[in-house]
């Protein structure tokens, strides 16, 4: 019967790291799913203490990686963790690795937004769509205007400045 996994705690990993003071180096590596190096640490005293010491800095990454693998296996990956392509080196071969399409450029996002809104788009619309600062969006809109891709106009109802695709 397979033991049910759960998310790992960095604090507990550091507590397990302390077992190295009593001769049980590498216990924290077993906890993080690094079984081969855990055995190596156990047999060599944490690579003569050097590897054990360096793990003070590596523990957060090891735990984060273990938790990410667990979340992937459960199909529960936080949106902020998704990148162009998420590849876990030691993920079991039978598990599907999720490929994420690359994020569109801000220029493409603004032009697509302008094309789908025939009344035009405001600076606020573009800031929301690109998630960029206002100054950066204004600069990009100005560049698109000078390149002849957008026209500057006023909304007939509100009088607000809007950008329309050419």
N, C-alpha and C. Protein backbone atom coordinates (compact mmCIF):
# COMPACT_ATOMS: atom_id res chain seq x y z
N UNK A 1 0.85 -1.18 0.00
CA UNK A 1 0.00 0.00 0.00
C UNK A 1 0.89 1.24 0.00
N UNK A 2 0.66 2.13 -0.93
CA UNK A 2 1.49 3.32 -1.06
C UNK A 2 1.10 4.37 -0.03
N UNK A 3 2.14 4.96 0.58
CA UNK A 3 1.89 6.01 1.58
C UNK A 3 1.43 7.29 0.87
N UNK A 4 0.45 7.94 1.43
CA UNK A 4 -0.07 9.16 0.84
C UNK A 4 0.90 10.32 1.10
N UNK A 5 1.27 11.02 0.02
CA UNK A 5 2.19 12.15 0.14
C UNK A 5 1.42 13.41 0.47
N UNK A 6 2.16 14.41 0.92
CA UNK A 6 1.58 15.72 1.15
C UNK A 6 2.68 16.76 0.95
N UNK A 7 2.30 18.01 1.06
CA UNK A 7 3.28 19.08 0.91
C UNK A 7 4.29 19.03 2.05
N UNK A 8 5.52 19.34 1.74
CA UNK A 8 6.61 19.31 2.71
C UNK A 8 6.80 20.68 3.35
N UNK A 9 7.37 20.69 4.54
CA UNK A 9 7.62 21.92 5.28
C UNK A 9 9.12 22.22 5.33
N UNK A 10 9.48 23.45 4.98
CA UNK A 10 10.89 23.85 5.04
C UNK A 10 11.38 23.83 6.48
N UNK A 11 10.55 24.23 7.41
CA UNK A 11 10.93 24.23 8.82
C UNK A 11 11.26 22.84 9.32
N UNK A 12 10.45 21.86 8.95
CA UNK A 12 10.73 20.49 9.36
C UNK A 12 12.01 19.98 8.70
N UNK A 13 12.24 20.38 7.45
CA UNK A 13 13.48 19.97 6.77
C UNK A 13 14.70 20.51 7.52
N UNK A 14 14.63 21.75 7.99
CA UNK A 14 15.74 22.30 8.78
C UNK A 14 15.90 21.56 10.10
N UNK A 15 14.79 21.17 10.70
CA UNK A 15 14.85 20.41 11.94
C UNK A 15 15.52 19.06 11.70
N UNK A 16 15.18 18.42 10.58
CA UNK A 16 15.81 17.15 10.22
C UNK A 16 17.28 17.34 9.88
N UNK A 17 17.62 18.49 9.33
CA UNK A 17 19.03 18.80 9.04
C UNK A 17 19.85 18.75 10.33
N UNK A 18 19.25 19.19 11.42
CA UNK A 18 19.94 19.23 12.72
C UNK A 18 20.30 17.84 13.23
N UNK A 19 19.65 16.78 12.70
CA UNK A 19 20.02 15.43 13.12
C UNK A 19 21.46 15.10 12.72
N UNK A 20 22.03 15.88 11.81
CA UNK A 20 23.43 15.71 11.42
C UNK A 20 24.37 15.93 12.59
N UNK A 21 23.97 16.72 13.57
CA UNK A 21 24.80 16.93 14.76
C UNK A 21 24.94 15.64 15.58
N UNK A 22 24.01 14.70 15.38
CA UNK A 22 24.02 13.45 16.10
C UNK A 22 24.47 12.29 15.22
N UNK A 23 25.06 12.62 14.05
CA UNK A 23 25.60 11.60 13.16
C UNK A 23 24.66 11.12 12.08
N UNK A 24 23.44 11.60 12.03
CA UNK A 24 22.47 11.16 11.02
C UNK A 24 22.36 12.21 9.91
N UNK A 25 23.46 12.40 9.22
CA UNK A 25 23.46 13.39 8.12
C UNK A 25 22.60 12.89 6.96
N UNK A 26 21.93 13.78 6.30
CA UNK A 26 21.17 13.45 5.10
C UNK A 26 19.71 13.12 5.32
N UNK A 27 19.25 13.10 6.55
CA UNK A 27 17.84 12.77 6.81
C UNK A 27 16.94 13.78 6.11
N UNK A 28 17.35 15.03 6.08
CA UNK A 28 16.56 16.07 5.42
C UNK A 28 16.45 15.80 3.92
N UNK A 29 17.46 15.16 3.33
CA UNK A 29 17.43 14.84 1.90
C UNK A 29 16.41 13.73 1.62
N UNK A 30 16.30 12.76 2.51
CA UNK A 30 15.25 11.75 2.35
C UNK A 30 13.87 12.42 2.38
N UNK A 31 13.69 13.34 3.30
CA UNK A 31 12.42 14.07 3.44
C UNK A 31 12.10 14.85 2.17
N UNK A 32 13.14 15.38 1.49
CA UNK A 32 12.93 16.16 0.26
C UNK A 32 12.86 15.28 -0.98
N UNK A 33 12.92 13.96 -0.80
CA UNK A 33 12.80 13.05 -1.94
C UNK A 33 14.11 12.82 -2.67
N UNK A 34 15.23 13.21 -2.08
CA UNK A 34 16.56 13.03 -2.68
C UNK A 34 17.20 11.79 -2.03
N UNK A 35 16.70 10.61 -2.41
CA UNK A 35 17.08 9.38 -1.72
C UNK A 35 18.53 8.98 -1.98
N UNK A 36 19.00 9.08 -3.22
CA UNK A 36 20.37 8.68 -3.54
C UNK A 36 21.38 9.55 -2.79
N UNK A 37 21.19 10.86 -2.85
CA UNK A 37 22.13 11.74 -2.14
C UNK A 37 21.92 11.62 -0.63
N UNK A 38 20.73 11.26 -0.19
CA UNK A 38 20.49 11.04 1.24
C UNK A 38 21.34 9.89 1.76
N UNK A 39 21.40 8.81 0.97
CA UNK A 39 22.24 7.67 1.35
C UNK A 39 23.71 8.08 1.34
N UNK A 40 24.12 8.82 0.31
CA UNK A 40 25.51 9.29 0.23
C UNK A 40 25.86 10.16 1.44
N UNK A 41 24.96 11.06 1.80
CA UNK A 41 25.20 11.93 2.96
C UNK A 41 25.30 11.09 4.24
N UNK A 42 24.43 10.09 4.35
CA UNK A 42 24.41 9.24 5.53
C UNK A 42 25.71 8.46 5.68
N UNK A 43 26.24 7.95 4.56
CA UNK A 43 27.44 7.12 4.59
C UNK A 43 28.73 7.93 4.71
N UNK A 44 28.71 9.20 4.28
CA UNK A 44 29.94 10.00 4.26
C UNK A 44 29.92 11.15 5.26
N UNK A 45 28.97 11.13 6.15
CA UNK A 45 28.88 12.23 7.12
C UNK A 45 28.58 13.55 6.45
N UNK A 46 27.67 13.50 5.49
CA UNK A 46 27.30 14.74 4.79
C UNK A 46 28.43 15.26 3.93
N UNK A 47 29.14 14.32 3.25
CA UNK A 47 30.33 14.67 2.46
C UNK A 47 31.33 15.41 3.34
N UNK A 48 31.64 14.76 4.45
CA UNK A 48 32.58 15.30 5.45
C UNK A 48 32.12 16.62 6.04
N UNK A 49 30.82 16.79 6.10
CA UNK A 49 30.26 18.00 6.70
C UNK A 49 30.10 19.16 5.73
N UNK A 50 30.82 19.14 4.62
CA UNK A 50 30.75 20.25 3.65
C UNK A 50 29.38 20.28 2.98
N UNK A 51 28.94 19.12 2.49
CA UNK A 51 27.63 19.05 1.84
C UNK A 51 26.51 19.35 2.81
N UNK A 52 26.69 18.86 4.03
CA UNK A 52 25.68 19.11 5.07
C UNK A 52 25.55 20.61 5.31
N UNK A 53 26.69 21.30 5.40
CA UNK A 53 26.67 22.75 5.61
C UNK A 53 26.03 23.47 4.42
N UNK A 54 26.41 23.09 3.21
CA UNK A 54 25.87 23.75 2.02
C UNK A 54 24.36 23.56 1.90
N UNK A 55 23.87 22.45 2.43
CA UNK A 55 22.43 22.20 2.37
C UNK A 55 21.62 23.23 3.16
N UNK A 56 22.26 23.94 4.07
CA UNK A 56 21.55 25.03 4.75
C UNK A 56 20.97 26.00 3.73
N UNK A 57 21.67 26.19 2.63
CA UNK A 57 21.22 27.12 1.60
C UNK A 57 20.34 26.44 0.55
N UNK A 58 20.50 25.11 0.39
CA UNK A 58 19.77 24.39 -0.65
C UNK A 58 18.41 23.85 -0.19
N UNK A 59 18.19 23.77 1.10
CA UNK A 59 16.95 23.17 1.61
C UNK A 59 15.69 23.85 1.06
N UNK A 60 15.58 25.19 1.05
CA UNK A 60 14.34 25.77 0.52
C UNK A 60 14.05 25.35 -0.92
N UNK A 61 15.06 25.30 -1.77
CA UNK A 61 14.86 24.89 -3.16
C UNK A 61 14.47 23.43 -3.28
N UNK A 62 15.10 22.58 -2.46
CA UNK A 62 14.76 21.15 -2.50
C UNK A 62 13.30 20.93 -2.09
N UNK A 63 12.87 21.63 -1.06
CA UNK A 63 11.49 21.46 -0.58
C UNK A 63 10.50 22.05 -1.59
N UNK A 64 10.86 23.20 -2.15
CA UNK A 64 9.97 23.81 -3.15
C UNK A 64 9.82 22.88 -4.36
N UNK A 65 10.90 22.27 -4.79
CA UNK A 65 10.86 21.34 -5.93
C UNK A 65 10.00 20.12 -5.60
N UNK A 66 10.18 19.57 -4.42
CA UNK A 66 9.39 18.41 -4.00
C UNK A 66 7.90 18.77 -3.95
N UNK A 67 7.57 19.94 -3.42
CA UNK A 67 6.18 20.37 -3.35
C UNK A 67 5.60 20.61 -4.74
N UNK A 68 6.41 21.17 -5.64
CA UNK A 68 5.94 21.41 -7.01
C UNK A 68 5.65 20.09 -7.71
N UNK A 69 6.53 19.11 -7.52
CA UNK A 69 6.29 17.79 -8.12
C UNK A 69 5.00 17.18 -7.58
N UNK A 70 4.77 17.33 -6.28
CA UNK A 70 3.54 16.81 -5.69
C UNK A 70 2.32 17.52 -6.28
N UNK A 71 2.39 18.84 -6.39
CA UNK A 71 1.27 19.59 -6.95
C UNK A 71 1.02 19.21 -8.40
N UNK A 72 2.08 18.98 -9.17
CA UNK A 72 1.91 18.53 -10.56
C UNK A 72 1.21 17.18 -10.61
N UNK A 73 1.61 16.28 -9.73
CA UNK A 73 1.00 14.95 -9.74
C UNK A 73 -0.47 15.01 -9.36
N UNK A 74 -0.86 16.02 -8.59
CA UNK A 74 -2.25 16.19 -8.18
C UNK A 74 -3.04 17.06 -9.16
N UNK A 75 -2.34 17.64 -10.16
CA UNK A 75 -3.00 18.54 -11.10
C UNK A 75 -3.35 19.87 -10.47
N UNK A 76 -2.61 20.25 -9.45
CA UNK A 76 -2.91 21.46 -8.68
C UNK A 76 -1.69 22.38 -8.65
N UNK A 77 -1.33 22.94 -9.81
CA UNK A 77 -0.17 23.82 -9.88
C UNK A 77 -0.64 25.27 -9.80
N UNK A 78 -0.09 26.05 -8.86
CA UNK A 78 -0.48 27.45 -8.77
C UNK A 78 -0.16 28.19 -10.06
N UNK A 79 -1.06 29.08 -10.51
CA UNK A 79 -0.90 29.79 -11.77
C UNK A 79 0.41 30.58 -11.82
N UNK A 80 0.83 31.17 -10.70
CA UNK A 80 2.05 31.98 -10.71
C UNK A 80 3.29 31.15 -10.98
N UNK A 81 3.21 29.81 -10.81
CA UNK A 81 4.37 28.95 -11.03
C UNK A 81 4.52 28.52 -12.49
N UNK A 82 3.47 28.75 -13.30
CA UNK A 82 3.53 28.28 -14.67
C UNK A 82 4.49 29.14 -15.49
N UNK A 83 5.33 28.50 -16.25
CA UNK A 83 6.27 29.19 -17.10
C UNK A 83 6.08 28.70 -18.52
N UNK A 84 6.98 29.12 -19.45
CA UNK A 84 6.84 28.68 -20.83
C UNK A 84 6.74 27.17 -20.93
N UNK A 85 7.64 26.47 -20.26
CA UNK A 85 7.57 25.02 -20.25
C UNK A 85 8.07 24.56 -18.90
N UNK A 86 7.26 23.79 -18.22
CA UNK A 86 7.60 23.33 -16.89
C UNK A 86 8.09 21.90 -17.01
N UNK A 87 9.38 21.70 -16.76
CA UNK A 87 9.95 20.37 -16.88
C UNK A 87 10.64 20.04 -15.57
N UNK A 88 10.25 18.95 -14.99
CA UNK A 88 10.85 18.47 -13.76
C UNK A 88 11.77 17.31 -14.14
N UNK A 89 13.08 17.48 -13.91
CA UNK A 89 14.09 16.53 -14.35
C UNK A 89 13.81 15.11 -13.87
N UNK A 90 13.47 14.95 -12.62
CA UNK A 90 13.29 13.61 -12.10
C UNK A 90 11.83 13.23 -11.91
N UNK A 91 10.95 13.82 -12.71
CA UNK A 91 9.53 13.43 -12.69
C UNK A 91 9.40 12.03 -13.29
N UNK A 92 8.62 11.15 -12.67
CA UNK A 92 8.45 9.81 -13.25
C UNK A 92 8.00 9.89 -14.71
N UNK A 93 8.55 8.98 -15.52
CA UNK A 93 8.31 9.03 -16.97
C UNK A 93 6.84 8.88 -17.34
N UNK A 94 6.05 8.20 -16.50
CA UNK A 94 4.66 7.96 -16.84
C UNK A 94 3.74 9.14 -16.53
N UNK A 95 4.30 10.20 -15.93
CA UNK A 95 3.47 11.37 -15.63
C UNK A 95 3.61 12.40 -16.74
N UNK A 96 2.52 12.99 -17.10
CA UNK A 96 2.49 13.98 -18.16
C UNK A 96 3.12 15.28 -17.66
N UNK A 97 4.03 15.84 -18.43
CA UNK A 97 4.61 17.14 -18.11
C UNK A 97 3.81 18.18 -18.87
N UNK A 98 3.35 19.17 -18.16
CA UNK A 98 2.47 20.18 -18.74
C UNK A 98 3.30 21.23 -19.47
N UNK A 99 3.00 21.43 -20.75
CA UNK A 99 3.67 22.47 -21.53
C UNK A 99 2.75 23.67 -21.59
N UNK A 100 3.30 24.83 -21.32
CA UNK A 100 2.54 26.06 -21.27
C UNK A 100 2.96 26.91 -22.46
N UNK A 101 2.00 27.41 -23.24
CA UNK A 101 2.39 28.26 -24.37
C UNK A 101 3.05 29.54 -23.87
N UNK A 102 4.02 30.05 -24.64
CA UNK A 102 4.68 31.28 -24.20
C UNK A 102 3.71 32.45 -24.16
N UNK A 103 3.96 33.37 -23.23
CA UNK A 103 3.12 34.56 -23.09
C UNK A 103 3.29 35.45 -24.32
N UNK A 104 2.18 35.97 -24.83
CA UNK A 104 2.23 36.84 -25.99
C UNK A 104 2.91 38.16 -25.63
N UNK A 105 3.50 38.79 -26.61
CA UNK A 105 4.15 40.08 -26.37
C UNK A 105 3.08 41.13 -26.05
N UNK A 106 3.52 42.19 -25.39
CA UNK A 106 2.59 43.27 -25.04
C UNK A 106 2.03 43.93 -26.30
N UNK A 107 2.87 44.07 -27.32
CA UNK A 107 2.41 44.65 -28.59
C UNK A 107 1.27 43.82 -29.16
N UNK A 108 1.47 42.51 -29.22
CA UNK A 108 0.44 41.62 -29.74
C UNK A 108 -0.83 41.71 -28.89
N UNK A 109 -0.68 41.74 -27.59
CA UNK A 109 -1.83 41.81 -26.68
C UNK A 109 -2.64 43.07 -26.93
N UNK A 110 -1.96 44.21 -27.06
CA UNK A 110 -2.66 45.48 -27.28
C UNK A 110 -3.32 45.51 -28.65
N UNK A 111 -2.63 45.06 -29.68
CA UNK A 111 -3.21 45.06 -31.03
C UNK A 111 -4.42 44.12 -31.10
N UNK A 112 -4.34 42.98 -30.46
CA UNK A 112 -5.47 42.05 -30.45
C UNK A 112 -6.65 42.65 -29.71
N UNK A 113 -6.37 43.33 -28.59
CA UNK A 113 -7.41 44.00 -27.82
C UNK A 113 -8.07 45.10 -28.65
N UNK A 114 -7.27 45.88 -29.35
CA UNK A 114 -7.82 46.96 -30.19
C UNK A 114 -8.65 46.41 -31.35
N UNK A 115 -8.23 45.27 -31.89
CA UNK A 115 -8.96 44.67 -33.00
C UNK A 115 -10.33 44.15 -32.56
N UNK A 116 -10.41 43.64 -31.34
CA UNK A 116 -11.68 43.09 -30.87
C UNK A 116 -12.61 44.16 -30.30
N UNK A 117 -12.12 45.39 -30.14
CA UNK A 117 -12.95 46.49 -29.63
C UNK A 117 -12.99 47.61 -30.66
N UNK A 118 -13.96 47.58 -31.57
CA UNK A 118 -14.00 48.58 -32.64
C UNK A 118 -14.18 50.02 -32.13
N UNK A 119 -14.71 50.20 -30.92
CA UNK A 119 -14.86 51.56 -30.36
C UNK A 119 -13.52 52.11 -29.89
N UNK A 120 -12.51 51.23 -29.78
CA UNK A 120 -11.19 51.64 -29.33
C UNK A 120 -10.91 51.16 -27.91
N UNK A 121 -9.64 51.26 -27.53
CA UNK A 121 -9.23 50.84 -26.19
C UNK A 121 -8.57 52.00 -25.47
N UNK A 122 -8.80 52.06 -24.19
CA UNK A 122 -8.20 53.13 -23.38
C UNK A 122 -6.87 52.65 -22.82
N UNK A 123 -6.15 53.58 -22.21
CA UNK A 123 -4.90 53.22 -21.57
C UNK A 123 -5.17 52.23 -20.44
N UNK A 124 -6.25 52.44 -19.72
CA UNK A 124 -6.61 51.52 -18.62
C UNK A 124 -6.85 50.11 -19.14
N UNK A 125 -7.53 49.99 -20.29
CA UNK A 125 -7.75 48.67 -20.88
C UNK A 125 -6.43 47.97 -21.16
N UNK A 126 -5.49 48.74 -21.70
CA UNK A 126 -4.17 48.17 -22.06
C UNK A 126 -3.35 47.81 -20.82
N UNK A 127 -3.45 48.63 -19.78
CA UNK A 127 -2.74 48.32 -18.54
C UNK A 127 -3.26 47.01 -17.95
N UNK A 128 -4.58 46.84 -17.96
CA UNK A 128 -5.18 45.62 -17.43
C UNK A 128 -4.77 44.41 -18.27
N UNK A 129 -4.79 44.55 -19.59
CA UNK A 129 -4.48 43.42 -20.47
C UNK A 129 -3.01 43.01 -20.40
N UNK A 130 -2.11 43.98 -20.28
CA UNK A 130 -0.67 43.66 -20.28
C UNK A 130 -0.09 43.48 -18.89
N UNK A 131 -0.79 44.00 -17.87
CA UNK A 131 -0.30 43.98 -16.49
C UNK A 131 1.03 44.70 -16.36
N UNK A 132 1.19 45.78 -17.11
CA UNK A 132 2.41 46.60 -17.08
C UNK A 132 2.09 47.95 -16.47
N UNK A 133 3.11 48.69 -16.02
CA UNK A 133 2.89 50.03 -15.46
C UNK A 133 2.36 51.00 -16.53
N UNK A 134 1.65 52.01 -16.07
CA UNK A 134 1.03 52.98 -16.97
C UNK A 134 2.05 53.63 -17.89
N UNK A 135 3.19 54.04 -17.35
CA UNK A 135 4.21 54.72 -18.16
C UNK A 135 4.70 53.81 -19.28
N UNK A 136 4.89 52.54 -18.98
CA UNK A 136 5.35 51.60 -20.01
C UNK A 136 4.29 51.39 -21.08
N UNK A 137 3.03 51.34 -20.68
CA UNK A 137 1.94 51.15 -21.64
C UNK A 137 1.79 52.39 -22.52
N UNK A 138 1.88 53.57 -21.91
CA UNK A 138 1.80 54.80 -22.70
C UNK A 138 2.91 54.86 -23.74
N UNK A 139 4.11 54.48 -23.35
CA UNK A 139 5.25 54.48 -24.28
C UNK A 139 4.99 53.52 -25.43
N UNK A 140 4.48 52.33 -25.12
CA UNK A 140 4.20 51.33 -26.14
C UNK A 140 3.08 51.80 -27.08
N UNK A 141 2.03 52.41 -26.53
CA UNK A 141 0.95 52.94 -27.36
C UNK A 141 1.46 54.04 -28.29
N UNK A 142 2.33 54.88 -27.77
CA UNK A 142 2.92 55.95 -28.58
C UNK A 142 3.74 55.37 -29.73
N UNK A 143 4.52 54.33 -29.45
CA UNK A 143 5.32 53.67 -30.49
C UNK A 143 4.41 53.06 -31.55
N UNK A 144 3.34 52.40 -31.12
CA UNK A 144 2.41 51.79 -32.08
C UNK A 144 1.72 52.85 -32.93
N UNK A 145 1.45 54.01 -32.34
CA UNK A 145 0.86 55.12 -33.10
C UNK A 145 1.85 55.62 -34.15
N UNK A 146 3.09 55.82 -33.76
CA UNK A 146 4.11 56.33 -34.69
C UNK A 146 4.46 55.32 -35.79
N UNK A 147 4.28 54.05 -35.50
CA UNK A 147 4.52 53.02 -36.51
C UNK A 147 3.31 52.84 -37.43
N UNK A 148 2.23 53.55 -37.14
CA UNK A 148 1.05 53.50 -38.00
C UNK A 148 0.15 52.31 -37.75
N UNK A 149 0.27 51.68 -36.60
CA UNK A 149 -0.56 50.53 -36.29
C UNK A 149 -1.83 50.90 -35.52
N UNK A 150 -1.79 52.03 -34.81
CA UNK A 150 -2.94 52.52 -34.05
C UNK A 150 -3.21 53.97 -34.39
N UNK A 151 -4.47 54.37 -34.30
CA UNK A 151 -4.86 55.78 -34.41
C UNK A 151 -5.35 56.26 -33.05
N UNK A 152 -5.15 57.53 -32.78
CA UNK A 152 -5.64 58.12 -31.54
C UNK A 152 -6.94 58.83 -31.86
N UNK A 153 -7.96 58.59 -31.04
CA UNK A 153 -9.27 59.18 -31.27
C UNK A 153 -9.91 59.45 -29.91
N UNK A 154 -11.12 60.01 -29.96
CA UNK A 154 -11.90 60.22 -28.74
C UNK A 154 -13.16 59.39 -28.81
N UNK A 155 -13.53 58.81 -27.68
CA UNK A 155 -14.78 58.07 -27.59
C UNK A 155 -15.92 59.07 -27.72
N UNK A 156 -16.90 58.79 -28.59
CA UNK A 156 -17.98 59.73 -28.86
C UNK A 156 -18.87 59.95 -27.64
N UNK A 157 -19.03 58.93 -26.81
CA UNK A 157 -19.91 59.06 -25.64
C UNK A 157 -19.21 59.69 -24.44
N UNK A 158 -18.00 59.25 -24.15
CA UNK A 158 -17.33 59.71 -22.93
C UNK A 158 -16.29 60.80 -23.18
N UNK A 159 -15.82 60.91 -24.40
CA UNK A 159 -14.78 61.89 -24.71
C UNK A 159 -13.39 61.43 -24.33
N UNK A 160 -13.28 60.21 -23.81
CA UNK A 160 -11.99 59.69 -23.38
C UNK A 160 -11.11 59.41 -24.60
N UNK A 161 -9.80 59.51 -24.40
CA UNK A 161 -8.85 59.18 -25.46
C UNK A 161 -8.84 57.66 -25.63
N UNK A 162 -8.99 57.21 -26.87
CA UNK A 162 -8.96 55.78 -27.18
C UNK A 162 -8.03 55.55 -28.35
N UNK A 163 -7.56 54.33 -28.42
CA UNK A 163 -6.68 53.93 -29.50
C UNK A 163 -7.41 52.88 -30.32
N UNK A 164 -7.42 53.12 -31.65
CA UNK A 164 -8.12 52.20 -32.57
C UNK A 164 -7.10 51.62 -33.52
N UNK A 165 -7.33 50.36 -33.89
CA UNK A 165 -6.43 49.71 -34.83
C UNK A 165 -6.65 50.28 -36.23
N UNK A 166 -5.58 50.38 -36.98
CA UNK A 166 -5.66 50.95 -38.34
C UNK A 166 -6.19 49.92 -39.28
